[in-house]
Amino acid sequence: MKPQLWIYAAAGYNVALAAFHLGFWRLFRWREELPKLHPVNRGVLPVLNFMLTFIFLLMAGLEVLLAEEMTGTALGRALLAGMMFFWILRAGLQLVFWPAAPRMVNGAFAFLFLVGAGLHALAFQPK
């Protein structure tokens, strides 16, 4: 496939992860769990989650609306490489910071994040 086709796949991946993050309030029962935290931590967690969601949607928008620039310019390729490394790092951090998660869950999420890295790598075509 051409890089432009992979960039649309990467964009779809980012939208899917943004949607997943929007479900964190329900998935992790934040209405019940966040009040148990120190007030600072109670505020930090949802803010970080919201900002990650924003970044995922921003990248998806850039990948769709500026696909040619994302694959054909140094700045675009740098952003794609950055997202590739973001997802590689996220896969590794999953294993480090979620030791209580079942091994299969940890492995599945790490694999999912490596898929994101792979999609961004396939869209990245150095000149």
N, C-alpha and C. Protein backbone atom coordinates (compact mmCIF):
# COMPACT_ATOMS: atom_id res chain seq x y z
N MET A 1 0.84 -1.19 0.00
CA MET A 1 0.00 0.00 0.00
C MET A 1 0.87 1.24 0.00
N LYS A 2 0.32 2.31 -0.54
CA LYS A 2 1.03 3.59 -0.55
C LYS A 2 0.99 4.22 0.84
N PRO A 3 1.96 5.09 1.13
CA PRO A 3 1.97 5.74 2.45
C PRO A 3 0.66 6.46 2.76
N GLN A 4 0.01 7.08 1.74
CA GLN A 4 -1.24 7.80 2.00
C GLN A 4 -2.32 6.86 2.53
N LEU A 5 -2.34 5.62 2.07
CA LEU A 5 -3.34 4.68 2.58
C LEU A 5 -3.05 4.29 4.03
N TRP A 6 -1.77 4.12 4.35
CA TRP A 6 -1.41 3.79 5.73
C TRP A 6 -1.70 4.95 6.67
N ILE A 7 -1.59 6.17 6.16
CA ILE A 7 -1.84 7.31 7.04
C ILE A 7 -3.30 7.38 7.45
N TYR A 8 -4.19 6.96 6.54
CA TYR A 8 -5.61 6.92 6.90
C TYR A 8 -5.87 5.82 7.93
N ALA A 9 -5.17 4.71 7.82
CA ALA A 9 -5.29 3.66 8.82
C ALA A 9 -4.78 4.15 10.18
N ALA A 10 -3.66 4.88 10.17
CA ALA A 10 -3.12 5.45 11.41
C ALA A 10 -4.11 6.44 12.01
N ALA A 11 -4.74 7.24 11.17
CA ALA A 11 -5.74 8.21 11.64
C ALA A 11 -6.92 7.48 12.29
N GLY A 12 -7.39 6.43 11.65
CA GLY A 12 -8.49 5.65 12.23
C GLY A 12 -8.11 5.05 13.56
N TYR A 13 -6.89 4.58 13.67
CA TYR A 13 -6.38 4.04 14.93
C TYR A 13 -6.42 5.11 16.02
N ASN A 14 -5.95 6.31 15.69
CA ASN A 14 -5.95 7.40 16.67
C ASN A 14 -7.36 7.77 17.10
N VAL A 15 -8.31 7.78 16.16
CA VAL A 15 -9.70 8.06 16.52
C VAL A 15 -10.24 6.97 17.45
N ALA A 16 -9.92 5.72 17.14
CA ALA A 16 -10.38 4.61 17.99
C ALA A 16 -9.83 4.74 19.40
N LEU A 17 -8.55 5.10 19.53
CA LEU A 17 -7.96 5.26 20.86
C LEU A 17 -8.54 6.47 21.58
N ALA A 18 -8.88 7.52 20.85
CA ALA A 18 -9.54 8.68 21.47
C ALA A 18 -10.90 8.26 22.02
N ALA A 19 -11.66 7.51 21.24
CA ALA A 19 -12.97 7.04 21.69
C ALA A 19 -12.82 6.15 22.92
N PHE A 20 -11.83 5.29 22.91
CA PHE A 20 -11.57 4.42 24.06
C PHE A 20 -11.30 5.26 25.31
N HIS A 21 -10.48 6.31 25.16
CA HIS A 21 -10.16 7.17 26.29
C HIS A 21 -11.39 7.91 26.81
N LEU A 22 -12.31 8.25 25.92
CA LEU A 22 -13.53 8.92 26.37
C LEU A 22 -14.37 7.99 27.24
N GLY A 23 -14.19 6.71 27.10
CA GLY A 23 -14.93 5.75 27.92
C GLY A 23 -14.30 5.46 29.27
N PHE A 24 -13.19 6.09 29.59
CA PHE A 24 -12.49 5.80 30.84
C PHE A 24 -13.35 6.11 32.07
N TRP A 25 -14.18 7.17 32.01
CA TRP A 25 -15.00 7.51 33.17
C TRP A 25 -15.84 6.31 33.58
N ARG A 26 -16.46 5.66 32.62
CA ARG A 26 -17.31 4.51 32.93
C ARG A 26 -16.46 3.25 33.17
N LEU A 27 -15.50 3.00 32.28
CA LEU A 27 -14.70 1.78 32.36
C LEU A 27 -13.99 1.63 33.70
N PHE A 28 -13.41 2.73 34.17
CA PHE A 28 -12.65 2.68 35.42
C PHE A 28 -13.43 3.23 36.61
N ARG A 29 -14.73 3.45 36.43
CA ARG A 29 -15.62 3.93 37.49
C ARG A 29 -15.02 5.15 38.20
N TRP A 30 -14.64 6.15 37.39
CA TRP A 30 -13.98 7.32 37.96
C TRP A 30 -14.88 8.11 38.91
N ARG A 31 -16.20 8.08 38.72
CA ARG A 31 -17.09 8.80 39.66
C ARG A 31 -16.92 8.27 41.08
N GLU A 32 -16.70 6.97 41.19
CA GLU A 32 -16.51 6.37 42.51
C GLU A 32 -15.05 6.36 42.94
N GLU A 33 -14.14 6.16 42.00
CA GLU A 33 -12.73 5.96 42.34
C GLU A 33 -11.94 7.26 42.52
N LEU A 34 -12.21 8.26 41.70
CA LEU A 34 -11.42 9.50 41.79
C LEU A 34 -11.57 10.21 43.15
N PRO A 35 -12.76 10.23 43.75
CA PRO A 35 -12.87 10.90 45.07
C PRO A 35 -11.97 10.29 46.14
N LYS A 36 -11.48 9.08 45.94
CA LYS A 36 -10.60 8.44 46.91
C LYS A 36 -9.18 8.99 46.85
N LEU A 37 -8.85 9.69 45.77
CA LEU A 37 -7.50 10.22 45.58
C LEU A 37 -7.33 11.58 46.23
N HIS A 38 -6.07 11.96 46.43
CA HIS A 38 -5.75 13.32 46.86
C HIS A 38 -6.36 14.28 45.84
N PRO A 39 -6.84 15.45 46.27
CA PRO A 39 -7.49 16.37 45.32
C PRO A 39 -6.65 16.71 44.09
N VAL A 40 -5.35 16.81 44.25
CA VAL A 40 -4.50 17.11 43.09
C VAL A 40 -4.53 15.94 42.11
N ASN A 41 -4.31 14.73 42.61
CA ASN A 41 -4.34 13.56 41.73
C ASN A 41 -5.72 13.35 41.12
N ARG A 42 -6.76 13.68 41.89
CA ARG A 42 -8.13 13.55 41.40
C ARG A 42 -8.34 14.45 40.18
N GLY A 43 -7.66 15.58 40.15
CA GLY A 43 -7.78 16.48 39.01
C GLY A 43 -6.82 16.14 37.88
N VAL A 44 -5.65 15.66 38.22
CA VAL A 44 -4.63 15.39 37.20
C VAL A 44 -5.08 14.28 36.25
N LEU A 45 -5.62 13.22 36.78
CA LEU A 45 -5.97 12.06 35.96
C LEU A 45 -6.95 12.40 34.83
N PRO A 46 -8.09 13.02 35.11
CA PRO A 46 -9.00 13.33 34.00
C PRO A 46 -8.44 14.39 33.04
N VAL A 47 -7.65 15.33 33.55
CA VAL A 47 -7.06 16.34 32.67
C VAL A 47 -6.09 15.68 31.69
N LEU A 48 -5.22 14.80 32.21
CA LEU A 48 -4.29 14.10 31.32
C LEU A 48 -5.04 13.25 30.30
N ASN A 49 -6.09 12.59 30.74
CA ASN A 49 -6.88 11.77 29.83
C ASN A 49 -7.53 12.63 28.74
N PHE A 50 -8.08 13.76 29.12
CA PHE A 50 -8.69 14.66 28.14
C PHE A 50 -7.65 15.17 27.15
N MET A 51 -6.47 15.53 27.64
CA MET A 51 -5.44 16.07 26.76
C MET A 51 -4.91 14.99 25.81
N LEU A 52 -4.78 13.75 26.28
CA LEU A 52 -4.38 12.65 25.39
C LEU A 52 -5.43 12.46 24.30
N THR A 53 -6.69 12.50 24.68
CA THR A 53 -7.77 12.37 23.71
C THR A 53 -7.66 13.47 22.66
N PHE A 54 -7.40 14.69 23.11
CA PHE A 54 -7.24 15.81 22.19
C PHE A 54 -6.08 15.57 21.22
N ILE A 55 -4.94 15.11 21.73
CA ILE A 55 -3.77 14.85 20.89
C ILE A 55 -4.08 13.77 19.86
N PHE A 56 -4.75 12.70 20.28
CA PHE A 56 -5.11 11.64 19.33
C PHE A 56 -5.99 12.18 18.21
N LEU A 57 -6.97 13.01 18.57
CA LEU A 57 -7.87 13.58 17.56
C LEU A 57 -7.15 14.60 16.69
N LEU A 58 -6.25 15.37 17.29
CA LEU A 58 -5.45 16.32 16.51
C LEU A 58 -4.61 15.59 15.47
N MET A 59 -3.92 14.54 15.91
CA MET A 59 -3.09 13.77 14.97
C MET A 59 -3.95 13.13 13.88
N ALA A 60 -5.08 12.59 14.26
CA ALA A 60 -5.97 11.98 13.26
C ALA A 60 -6.41 13.03 12.25
N GLY A 61 -6.75 14.21 12.72
CA GLY A 61 -7.15 15.29 11.82
C GLY A 61 -6.04 15.68 10.86
N LEU A 62 -4.83 15.82 11.39
CA LEU A 62 -3.69 16.15 10.54
C LEU A 62 -3.43 15.04 9.53
N GLU A 63 -3.54 13.80 9.98
CA GLU A 63 -3.26 12.67 9.09
C GLU A 63 -4.28 12.57 7.97
N VAL A 64 -5.51 12.96 8.23
CA VAL A 64 -6.54 12.89 7.19
C VAL A 64 -6.52 14.15 6.31
N LEU A 65 -6.53 15.30 6.95
CA LEU A 65 -6.65 16.55 6.20
C LEU A 65 -5.36 16.96 5.50
N LEU A 66 -4.23 16.53 6.02
CA LEU A 66 -2.94 16.91 5.45
C LEU A 66 -2.10 15.67 5.15
N ALA A 67 -2.74 14.63 4.63
CA ALA A 67 -2.06 13.36 4.39
C ALA A 67 -0.83 13.54 3.51
N GLU A 68 -0.94 14.33 2.47
CA GLU A 68 0.17 14.55 1.54
C GLU A 68 1.36 15.19 2.26
N GLU A 69 1.07 16.19 3.09
CA GLU A 69 2.14 16.86 3.83
C GLU A 69 2.73 15.96 4.91
N MET A 70 1.88 15.15 5.52
CA MET A 70 2.36 14.26 6.58
C MET A 70 3.32 13.21 6.03
N THR A 71 3.11 12.76 4.82
CA THR A 71 3.99 11.74 4.26
C THR A 71 5.07 12.32 3.35
N GLY A 72 4.91 13.56 2.93
CA GLY A 72 5.82 14.11 1.94
C GLY A 72 6.73 15.22 2.40
N THR A 73 6.64 15.62 3.67
CA THR A 73 7.51 16.69 4.16
C THR A 73 8.29 16.19 5.38
N ALA A 74 9.39 16.85 5.66
CA ALA A 74 10.20 16.48 6.82
C ALA A 74 9.41 16.66 8.12
N LEU A 75 8.65 17.73 8.22
CA LEU A 75 7.86 17.97 9.44
C LEU A 75 6.79 16.89 9.60
N GLY A 76 6.10 16.56 8.54
CA GLY A 76 5.09 15.52 8.62
C GLY A 76 5.68 14.17 9.01
N ARG A 77 6.79 13.82 8.39
CA ARG A 77 7.44 12.55 8.72
C ARG A 77 7.96 12.55 10.15
N ALA A 78 8.40 13.71 10.64
CA ALA A 78 8.85 13.80 12.02
C ALA A 78 7.67 13.56 12.98
N LEU A 79 6.51 14.09 12.64
CA LEU A 79 5.33 13.85 13.47
C LEU A 79 4.94 12.38 13.45
N LEU A 80 5.00 11.76 12.29
CA LEU A 80 4.68 10.33 12.19
C LEU A 80 5.68 9.49 12.99
N ALA A 81 6.96 9.84 12.88
CA ALA A 81 7.98 9.12 13.65
C ALA A 81 7.76 9.33 15.14
N GLY A 82 7.39 10.54 15.53
CA GLY A 82 7.09 10.81 16.93
C GLY A 82 5.94 9.97 17.45
N MET A 83 4.88 9.84 16.64
CA MET A 83 3.75 9.00 17.05
C MET A 83 4.14 7.53 17.08
N MET A 84 5.00 7.11 16.17
CA MET A 84 5.47 5.73 16.19
C MET A 84 6.19 5.45 17.51
N PHE A 85 7.09 6.34 17.90
CA PHE A 85 7.81 6.15 19.15
C PHE A 85 6.89 6.31 20.37
N PHE A 86 5.88 7.19 20.26
CA PHE A 86 4.88 7.34 21.32
C PHE A 86 4.23 5.98 21.61
N TRP A 87 3.80 5.29 20.55
CA TRP A 87 3.10 4.01 20.73
C TRP A 87 4.06 2.90 21.18
N ILE A 88 5.30 2.93 20.74
CA ILE A 88 6.28 1.95 21.23
C ILE A 88 6.50 2.16 22.73
N LEU A 89 6.70 3.40 23.12
CA LEU A 89 6.90 3.72 24.53
C LEU A 89 5.66 3.34 25.34
N ARG A 90 4.49 3.61 24.80
CA ARG A 90 3.25 3.28 25.50
C ARG A 90 3.14 1.77 25.72
N ALA A 91 3.56 0.99 24.74
CA ALA A 91 3.54 -0.48 24.89
C ALA A 91 4.45 -0.91 26.03
N GLY A 92 5.64 -0.34 26.10
CA GLY A 92 6.58 -0.69 27.17
C GLY A 92 6.10 -0.25 28.54
N LEU A 93 5.54 0.95 28.61
CA LEU A 93 5.04 1.45 29.89
C LEU A 93 3.85 0.64 30.39
N GLN A 94 3.07 0.10 29.48
CA GLN A 94 1.96 -0.77 29.85
C GLN A 94 2.47 -1.92 30.72
N LEU A 95 3.56 -2.52 30.29
CA LEU A 95 4.10 -3.67 31.01
C LEU A 95 4.73 -3.28 32.35
N VAL A 96 5.29 -2.07 32.41
CA VAL A 96 5.96 -1.63 33.64
C VAL A 96 4.97 -1.16 34.70
N PHE A 97 3.98 -0.36 34.28
CA PHE A 97 3.10 0.30 35.26
C PHE A 97 1.78 -0.41 35.51
N TRP A 98 1.53 -1.51 34.83
CA TRP A 98 0.30 -2.27 35.07
C TRP A 98 0.64 -3.68 35.55
N PRO A 99 1.49 -3.83 36.54
CA PRO A 99 1.87 -5.19 36.95
C PRO A 99 0.70 -6.00 37.53
N ALA A 100 -0.33 -5.33 38.04
CA ALA A 100 -1.45 -6.04 38.65
C ALA A 100 -2.43 -6.56 37.59
N ALA A 101 -2.33 -6.07 36.37
CA ALA A 101 -3.23 -6.53 35.31
C ALA A 101 -2.89 -7.97 34.94
N PRO A 102 -3.89 -8.75 34.59
CA PRO A 102 -3.59 -10.11 34.13
C PRO A 102 -2.61 -10.08 32.95
N ARG A 103 -1.74 -11.07 32.91
CA ARG A 103 -0.70 -11.13 31.87
C ARG A 103 -1.30 -11.03 30.46
N MET A 104 -2.42 -11.70 30.25
CA MET A 104 -3.04 -11.68 28.93
C MET A 104 -3.55 -10.28 28.56
N VAL A 105 -4.11 -9.58 29.54
CA VAL A 105 -4.58 -8.21 29.31
C VAL A 105 -3.39 -7.30 28.99
N ASN A 106 -2.34 -7.41 29.79
CA ASN A 106 -1.14 -6.61 29.55
C ASN A 106 -0.57 -6.88 28.16
N GLY A 107 -0.47 -8.12 27.80
CA GLY A 107 0.06 -8.48 26.49
C GLY A 107 -0.82 -7.99 25.37
N ALA A 108 -2.13 -8.09 25.53
CA ALA A 108 -3.05 -7.64 24.49
C ALA A 108 -2.94 -6.14 24.28
N PHE A 109 -2.88 -5.39 25.38
CA PHE A 109 -2.75 -3.94 25.24
C PHE A 109 -1.40 -3.56 24.65
N ALA A 110 -0.33 -4.20 25.10
CA ALA A 110 0.98 -3.92 24.52
C ALA A 110 0.98 -4.19 23.02
N PHE A 111 0.37 -5.30 22.61
CA PHE A 111 0.25 -5.62 21.19
C PHE A 111 -0.55 -4.55 20.46
N LEU A 112 -1.66 -4.13 21.05
CA LEU A 112 -2.50 -3.09 20.45
C LEU A 112 -1.69 -1.81 20.22
N PHE A 113 -0.87 -1.44 21.18
CA PHE A 113 -0.08 -0.22 21.05
C PHE A 113 1.03 -0.40 20.00
N LEU A 114 1.56 -1.59 19.89
CA LEU A 114 2.56 -1.85 18.85
C LEU A 114 1.92 -1.81 17.45
N VAL A 115 0.66 -2.18 17.35
CA VAL A 115 -0.06 -2.02 16.09
C VAL A 115 -0.10 -0.55 15.70
N GLY A 116 -0.39 0.32 16.67
CA GLY A 116 -0.39 1.77 16.41
C GLY A 116 0.97 2.25 15.93
N ALA A 117 2.02 1.75 16.57
CA ALA A 117 3.38 2.11 16.14
C ALA A 117 3.62 1.63 14.71
N GLY A 118 3.18 0.42 14.41
CA GLY A 118 3.37 -0.13 13.07
C GLY A 118 2.63 0.66 12.01
N LEU A 119 1.41 1.08 12.30
CA LEU A 119 0.65 1.87 11.32
C LEU A 119 1.35 3.19 11.03
N HIS A 120 1.86 3.83 12.07
CA HIS A 120 2.57 5.09 11.86
C HIS A 120 3.90 4.86 11.14
N ALA A 121 4.55 3.73 11.42
CA ALA A 121 5.80 3.42 10.73
C ALA A 121 5.55 3.15 9.25
N LEU A 122 4.46 2.48 8.92
CA LEU A 122 4.15 2.20 7.52
C LEU A 122 3.81 3.47 6.75
N ALA A 123 3.23 4.44 7.44
CA ALA A 123 2.91 5.72 6.79
C ALA A 123 4.16 6.57 6.61
N PHE A 124 5.15 6.34 7.45
CA PHE A 124 6.40 7.11 7.42
C PHE A 124 7.31 6.59 6.33
N GLN A 125 7.56 7.40 5.35
CA GLN A 125 8.42 7.02 4.24
C GLN A 125 9.55 8.05 4.10
N PRO A 126 10.71 7.81 4.71
CA PRO A 126 11.79 8.80 4.60
C PRO A 126 12.20 9.00 3.15
N LYS A 127 12.56 10.24 2.85
CA LYS A 127 12.98 10.58 1.48
C LYS A 127 14.46 10.40 1.33
